[in-house]
Amino acid sequence: MRTPKPIQDRRRSVRIVEFLPFKIGHQGYDIQATTTNVGYHGVMCAIDQDIRLMTQLSVALTLPPVKGNGPGKTITAKGVVVRKETNPDTGKCYIAVFFSDIKPKDEQLLKDFIDRRLAR
């Protein structure tokens, strides 16, 4: 009997565990959420209602300030729900959102934020 090859992670970038305010809006959705992890190309977040796979969304993610207590930076993007899981105990839905359209400036802000967290 042959041992199957291990399945490799298909992600193109690293993800960090980070709980950040996250807003979802699109055709009847106006949801405040919290991320559970963040990557260069998307996020996983917890929400209280179901959103169908492949739903296109407008999202806003608020990054904390680099130094001090000043205001954080909010990045906006278009995204697509590419995965979802429901916790049967709590009923919370966890969705993975891939950023399908993000401005280069916002993409760089997100990358810099993640890189700073990784350097700790």
N, C-alpha and C. Protein backbone atom coordinates (compact mmCIF):
# COMPACT_ATOMS: atom_id res chain seq x y z
N MET A 1 0.84 -1.18 0.00
CA MET A 1 0.00 0.00 0.00
C MET A 1 0.89 1.24 0.00
N ARG A 2 0.57 2.19 -0.86
CA ARG A 2 1.35 3.42 -0.98
C ARG A 2 0.81 4.50 -0.05
N THR A 3 1.70 5.28 0.47
CA THR A 3 1.32 6.42 1.30
C THR A 3 1.05 7.59 0.37
N PRO A 4 -0.12 8.23 0.52
CA PRO A 4 -0.41 9.38 -0.35
C PRO A 4 0.53 10.54 -0.05
N LYS A 5 0.76 11.34 -1.08
CA LYS A 5 1.58 12.54 -0.90
C LYS A 5 0.84 13.53 0.00
N PRO A 6 1.58 14.26 0.84
CA PRO A 6 0.90 15.26 1.67
C PRO A 6 0.30 16.37 0.81
N ILE A 7 -0.82 16.87 1.24
CA ILE A 7 -1.49 17.96 0.53
C ILE A 7 -0.78 19.25 0.91
N GLN A 8 -0.38 20.01 -0.09
CA GLN A 8 0.29 21.28 0.16
C GLN A 8 -0.74 22.40 0.28
N ASP A 9 -0.42 23.34 1.14
CA ASP A 9 -1.27 24.52 1.28
C ASP A 9 -1.24 25.30 -0.02
N ARG A 10 -2.42 25.66 -0.54
CA ARG A 10 -2.50 26.36 -1.82
C ARG A 10 -2.40 27.86 -1.69
N ARG A 11 -2.28 28.37 -0.49
CA ARG A 11 -2.20 29.82 -0.31
C ARG A 11 -0.93 30.35 -0.95
N ARG A 12 -1.05 31.53 -1.55
CA ARG A 12 0.10 32.18 -2.16
C ARG A 12 0.84 33.07 -1.19
N SER A 13 0.25 33.33 -0.04
CA SER A 13 0.91 34.22 0.92
C SER A 13 0.60 33.76 2.34
N VAL A 14 1.41 34.26 3.24
CA VAL A 14 1.26 33.95 4.65
C VAL A 14 0.02 34.62 5.22
N ARG A 15 -0.52 34.04 6.28
CA ARG A 15 -1.63 34.67 7.00
C ARG A 15 -1.20 34.83 8.45
N ILE A 16 -1.72 35.88 9.08
CA ILE A 16 -1.44 36.10 10.49
C ILE A 16 -2.75 36.09 11.26
N VAL A 17 -2.70 35.65 12.49
CA VAL A 17 -3.88 35.70 13.35
C VAL A 17 -4.01 37.14 13.84
N GLU A 18 -5.12 37.76 13.51
CA GLU A 18 -5.31 39.17 13.87
C GLU A 18 -6.82 39.44 13.92
N PHE A 19 -7.26 40.07 14.98
CA PHE A 19 -8.68 40.39 15.16
C PHE A 19 -8.88 41.89 14.90
N LEU A 20 -9.39 42.20 13.71
CA LEU A 20 -9.55 43.59 13.28
C LEU A 20 -11.00 43.85 12.88
N PRO A 21 -11.46 45.10 13.05
CA PRO A 21 -12.81 45.44 12.57
C PRO A 21 -12.88 45.30 11.05
N PHE A 22 -13.97 44.74 10.59
CA PHE A 22 -14.13 44.43 9.18
C PHE A 22 -15.58 44.69 8.81
N LYS A 23 -15.82 45.46 7.76
CA LYS A 23 -17.18 45.79 7.35
C LYS A 23 -17.45 45.18 5.98
N ILE A 24 -18.60 44.55 5.86
CA ILE A 24 -19.02 43.92 4.61
C ILE A 24 -20.29 44.59 4.13
N GLY A 25 -20.32 44.94 2.86
CA GLY A 25 -21.52 45.54 2.30
C GLY A 25 -21.70 45.12 0.85
N HIS A 26 -22.91 44.75 0.49
CA HIS A 26 -23.23 44.44 -0.90
C HIS A 26 -24.66 43.92 -0.99
N GLN A 27 -25.45 44.49 -1.83
CA GLN A 27 -26.81 44.03 -2.14
C GLN A 27 -27.52 43.42 -0.94
N GLY A 28 -27.84 44.25 0.02
CA GLY A 28 -28.58 43.78 1.17
C GLY A 28 -27.72 43.36 2.35
N TYR A 29 -26.42 43.29 2.16
CA TYR A 29 -25.53 42.97 3.27
C TYR A 29 -24.93 44.26 3.80
N ASP A 30 -25.01 44.48 5.09
CA ASP A 30 -24.32 45.56 5.76
C ASP A 30 -23.95 44.99 7.12
N ILE A 31 -22.80 44.35 7.18
CA ILE A 31 -22.42 43.54 8.32
C ILE A 31 -21.14 44.06 8.94
N GLN A 32 -21.12 44.19 10.25
CA GLN A 32 -19.90 44.44 11.00
C GLN A 32 -19.35 43.08 11.40
N ALA A 33 -18.09 42.85 11.13
CA ALA A 33 -17.47 41.57 11.42
C ALA A 33 -16.12 41.80 12.07
N THR A 34 -15.48 40.71 12.44
CA THR A 34 -14.13 40.75 12.99
C THR A 34 -13.31 39.69 12.27
N THR A 35 -12.12 40.07 11.83
CA THR A 35 -11.26 39.09 11.17
C THR A 35 -10.73 38.10 12.20
N THR A 36 -10.44 36.89 11.74
CA THR A 36 -9.74 35.91 12.58
C THR A 36 -8.33 35.71 12.07
N ASN A 37 -8.13 35.92 10.77
CA ASN A 37 -6.78 35.96 10.22
C ASN A 37 -6.77 36.82 8.97
N VAL A 38 -5.58 37.32 8.66
CA VAL A 38 -5.43 38.27 7.57
C VAL A 38 -4.23 37.86 6.73
N GLY A 39 -4.37 37.93 5.41
CA GLY A 39 -3.27 37.65 4.50
C GLY A 39 -3.15 38.74 3.45
N TYR A 40 -2.13 38.64 2.63
CA TYR A 40 -1.92 39.64 1.58
C TYR A 40 -3.09 39.68 0.59
N HIS A 41 -3.76 38.54 0.41
CA HIS A 41 -4.78 38.45 -0.64
C HIS A 41 -6.20 38.24 -0.12
N GLY A 42 -6.37 38.26 1.22
CA GLY A 42 -7.71 38.06 1.73
C GLY A 42 -7.75 37.91 3.24
N VAL A 43 -8.96 37.66 3.75
CA VAL A 43 -9.17 37.52 5.18
C VAL A 43 -10.14 36.38 5.47
N MET A 44 -10.10 35.92 6.71
CA MET A 44 -11.13 35.03 7.25
C MET A 44 -11.81 35.85 8.33
N CYS A 45 -13.14 35.85 8.35
CA CYS A 45 -13.83 36.62 9.38
C CYS A 45 -15.04 35.86 9.89
N ALA A 46 -15.45 36.22 11.10
CA ALA A 46 -16.61 35.62 11.74
C ALA A 46 -17.80 36.56 11.56
N ILE A 47 -18.92 35.98 11.15
CA ILE A 47 -20.14 36.77 10.96
C ILE A 47 -21.32 36.02 11.58
N ASP A 48 -22.41 36.73 11.81
CA ASP A 48 -23.58 36.13 12.45
C ASP A 48 -24.63 35.64 11.46
N GLN A 49 -24.40 35.83 10.17
CA GLN A 49 -25.36 35.37 9.19
C GLN A 49 -24.63 34.70 8.04
N ASP A 50 -25.36 33.94 7.29
CA ASP A 50 -24.79 33.17 6.18
C ASP A 50 -24.68 34.05 4.93
N ILE A 51 -23.55 33.94 4.26
CA ILE A 51 -23.37 34.57 2.95
C ILE A 51 -22.94 33.45 2.00
N ARG A 52 -23.58 33.37 0.87
CA ARG A 52 -23.33 32.28 -0.07
C ARG A 52 -21.94 32.34 -0.67
N LEU A 53 -21.42 31.15 -0.99
CA LEU A 53 -20.14 31.07 -1.69
C LEU A 53 -20.20 31.83 -3.01
N MET A 54 -19.09 32.41 -3.40
CA MET A 54 -18.91 33.16 -4.63
C MET A 54 -19.68 34.48 -4.67
N THR A 55 -20.22 34.90 -3.54
CA THR A 55 -20.87 36.20 -3.46
C THR A 55 -19.80 37.29 -3.54
N GLN A 56 -20.03 38.29 -4.38
CA GLN A 56 -19.11 39.41 -4.49
C GLN A 56 -19.49 40.46 -3.46
N LEU A 57 -18.48 40.98 -2.77
CA LEU A 57 -18.70 41.90 -1.67
C LEU A 57 -17.85 43.16 -1.80
N SER A 58 -18.29 44.22 -1.17
CA SER A 58 -17.44 45.39 -0.93
C SER A 58 -17.03 45.29 0.53
N VAL A 59 -15.74 45.45 0.81
CA VAL A 59 -15.27 45.29 2.17
C VAL A 59 -14.39 46.46 2.59
N ALA A 60 -14.34 46.70 3.89
CA ALA A 60 -13.47 47.72 4.47
C ALA A 60 -12.82 47.11 5.71
N LEU A 61 -11.52 47.20 5.78
CA LEU A 61 -10.73 46.63 6.86
C LEU A 61 -9.96 47.76 7.53
N THR A 62 -10.11 47.90 8.85
CA THR A 62 -9.43 48.97 9.57
C THR A 62 -8.18 48.42 10.23
N LEU A 63 -7.03 48.97 9.82
CA LEU A 63 -5.74 48.58 10.38
C LEU A 63 -5.41 49.50 11.55
N PRO A 64 -4.80 48.98 12.61
CA PRO A 64 -4.44 49.85 13.73
C PRO A 64 -3.34 50.83 13.34
N PRO A 65 -3.18 51.92 14.11
CA PRO A 65 -2.13 52.89 13.79
C PRO A 65 -0.75 52.25 13.95
N VAL A 66 0.21 52.75 13.17
CA VAL A 66 1.57 52.23 13.24
C VAL A 66 2.19 52.58 14.59
N LYS A 67 2.01 53.82 15.03
CA LYS A 67 2.55 54.27 16.31
C LYS A 67 1.51 55.06 17.06
N GLY A 68 1.55 54.98 18.37
CA GLY A 68 0.70 55.82 19.20
C GLY A 68 -0.78 55.47 19.15
N ASN A 69 -1.57 56.45 19.51
CA ASN A 69 -3.02 56.25 19.61
C ASN A 69 -3.78 56.91 18.48
N GLY A 70 -3.11 57.32 17.43
CA GLY A 70 -3.77 58.00 16.32
C GLY A 70 -4.77 57.10 15.62
N PRO A 71 -5.46 57.65 14.64
CA PRO A 71 -6.44 56.85 13.92
C PRO A 71 -5.74 55.79 13.06
N GLY A 72 -6.41 54.67 12.91
CA GLY A 72 -5.89 53.63 12.04
C GLY A 72 -6.19 53.95 10.59
N LYS A 73 -5.73 53.10 9.72
CA LYS A 73 -5.98 53.25 8.28
C LYS A 73 -7.07 52.25 7.88
N THR A 74 -7.99 52.71 7.05
CA THR A 74 -9.02 51.82 6.53
C THR A 74 -8.72 51.55 5.06
N ILE A 75 -8.65 50.28 4.73
CA ILE A 75 -8.47 49.91 3.33
C ILE A 75 -9.78 49.34 2.81
N THR A 76 -10.04 49.58 1.54
CA THR A 76 -11.26 49.08 0.92
C THR A 76 -10.89 48.19 -0.25
N ALA A 77 -11.78 47.25 -0.53
CA ALA A 77 -11.53 46.31 -1.63
C ALA A 77 -12.84 45.67 -2.05
N LYS A 78 -12.81 45.09 -3.21
CA LYS A 78 -13.87 44.19 -3.65
C LYS A 78 -13.37 42.78 -3.33
N GLY A 79 -14.27 41.93 -2.91
CA GLY A 79 -13.87 40.58 -2.56
C GLY A 79 -14.91 39.56 -2.95
N VAL A 80 -14.51 38.29 -2.87
CA VAL A 80 -15.39 37.17 -3.21
C VAL A 80 -15.31 36.15 -2.08
N VAL A 81 -16.46 35.64 -1.64
CA VAL A 81 -16.48 34.59 -0.62
C VAL A 81 -16.04 33.28 -1.29
N VAL A 82 -14.88 32.78 -0.86
CA VAL A 82 -14.33 31.58 -1.50
C VAL A 82 -14.44 30.34 -0.61
N ARG A 83 -14.74 30.53 0.66
CA ARG A 83 -14.91 29.38 1.56
C ARG A 83 -15.78 29.82 2.72
N LYS A 84 -16.54 28.89 3.26
CA LYS A 84 -17.31 29.20 4.47
C LYS A 84 -17.46 27.94 5.30
N GLU A 85 -17.50 28.17 6.60
CA GLU A 85 -17.68 27.10 7.57
C GLU A 85 -18.60 27.63 8.65
N THR A 86 -19.46 26.76 9.16
CA THR A 86 -20.35 27.14 10.24
C THR A 86 -19.99 26.35 11.49
N ASN A 87 -19.88 27.05 12.61
CA ASN A 87 -19.64 26.38 13.88
C ASN A 87 -20.98 25.89 14.40
N PRO A 88 -21.18 24.56 14.49
CA PRO A 88 -22.49 24.05 14.90
C PRO A 88 -22.87 24.42 16.33
N ASP A 89 -21.88 24.67 17.20
CA ASP A 89 -22.17 25.00 18.59
C ASP A 89 -22.67 26.44 18.75
N THR A 90 -22.07 27.36 18.01
CA THR A 90 -22.41 28.78 18.17
C THR A 90 -23.30 29.31 17.06
N GLY A 91 -23.31 28.63 15.91
CA GLY A 91 -24.07 29.13 14.76
C GLY A 91 -23.34 30.20 13.99
N LYS A 92 -22.16 30.63 14.49
CA LYS A 92 -21.37 31.64 13.78
C LYS A 92 -20.87 31.05 12.47
N CYS A 93 -20.83 31.91 11.49
CA CYS A 93 -20.33 31.53 10.17
C CYS A 93 -18.96 32.18 9.97
N TYR A 94 -18.02 31.41 9.49
CA TYR A 94 -16.69 31.92 9.17
C TYR A 94 -16.54 31.90 7.67
N ILE A 95 -16.22 33.06 7.09
CA ILE A 95 -16.07 33.12 5.64
C ILE A 95 -14.66 33.59 5.28
N ALA A 96 -14.14 33.02 4.21
CA ALA A 96 -12.87 33.46 3.65
C ALA A 96 -13.19 34.35 2.47
N VAL A 97 -12.63 35.55 2.48
CA VAL A 97 -12.87 36.53 1.42
C VAL A 97 -11.55 36.77 0.69
N PHE A 98 -11.55 36.48 -0.61
CA PHE A 98 -10.40 36.76 -1.47
C PHE A 98 -10.58 38.15 -2.04
N PHE A 99 -9.53 38.98 -1.94
CA PHE A 99 -9.60 40.33 -2.49
C PHE A 99 -9.43 40.26 -4.00
N SER A 100 -10.50 40.49 -4.73
CA SER A 100 -10.45 40.41 -6.19
C SER A 100 -10.09 41.75 -6.83
N ASP A 101 -10.26 42.84 -6.10
CA ASP A 101 -9.93 44.17 -6.62
C ASP A 101 -9.56 45.07 -5.44
N ILE A 102 -8.28 45.39 -5.35
CA ILE A 102 -7.80 46.24 -4.27
C ILE A 102 -6.81 47.23 -4.86
N LYS A 103 -6.91 48.48 -4.45
CA LYS A 103 -6.01 49.52 -4.97
C LYS A 103 -4.57 49.19 -4.56
N PRO A 104 -3.61 49.47 -5.43
CA PRO A 104 -2.20 49.20 -5.09
C PRO A 104 -1.77 49.84 -3.78
N LYS A 105 -2.24 51.05 -3.50
CA LYS A 105 -1.89 51.74 -2.25
C LYS A 105 -2.41 50.97 -1.04
N ASP A 106 -3.66 50.50 -1.10
CA ASP A 106 -4.24 49.73 0.00
C ASP A 106 -3.56 48.36 0.13
N GLU A 107 -3.23 47.77 -1.00
CA GLU A 107 -2.53 46.49 -0.98
C GLU A 107 -1.18 46.63 -0.28
N GLN A 108 -0.48 47.73 -0.54
CA GLN A 108 0.82 47.97 0.09
C GLN A 108 0.67 48.23 1.58
N LEU A 109 -0.36 48.99 1.99
CA LEU A 109 -0.62 49.20 3.41
C LEU A 109 -0.85 47.88 4.13
N LEU A 110 -1.63 46.99 3.52
CA LEU A 110 -1.91 45.68 4.12
C LEU A 110 -0.63 44.85 4.21
N LYS A 111 0.13 44.83 3.14
CA LYS A 111 1.39 44.07 3.13
C LYS A 111 2.35 44.58 4.20
N ASP A 112 2.49 45.90 4.31
CA ASP A 112 3.37 46.49 5.32
C ASP A 112 2.90 46.12 6.74
N PHE A 113 1.58 46.16 6.98
CA PHE A 113 1.03 45.80 8.27
C PHE A 113 1.38 44.35 8.62
N ILE A 114 1.14 43.44 7.69
CA ILE A 114 1.42 42.03 7.92
C ILE A 114 2.91 41.80 8.15
N ASP A 115 3.74 42.43 7.35
CA ASP A 115 5.20 42.26 7.49
C ASP A 115 5.67 42.77 8.85
N ARG A 116 5.10 43.89 9.33
CA ARG A 116 5.47 44.39 10.67
C ARG A 116 5.10 43.38 11.75
N ARG A 117 3.90 42.79 11.62
CA ARG A 117 3.46 41.79 12.61
C ARG A 117 4.37 40.55 12.57
N LEU A 118 4.79 40.15 11.41
CA LEU A 118 5.66 38.97 11.28
C LEU A 118 7.04 39.23 11.85
N ALA A 119 7.49 40.49 11.81
CA ALA A 119 8.83 40.84 12.29
C ALA A 119 8.92 40.86 13.81
N ARG A 120 7.79 40.84 14.48
CA ARG A 120 7.81 40.88 15.96
C ARG A 120 8.43 39.65 16.54
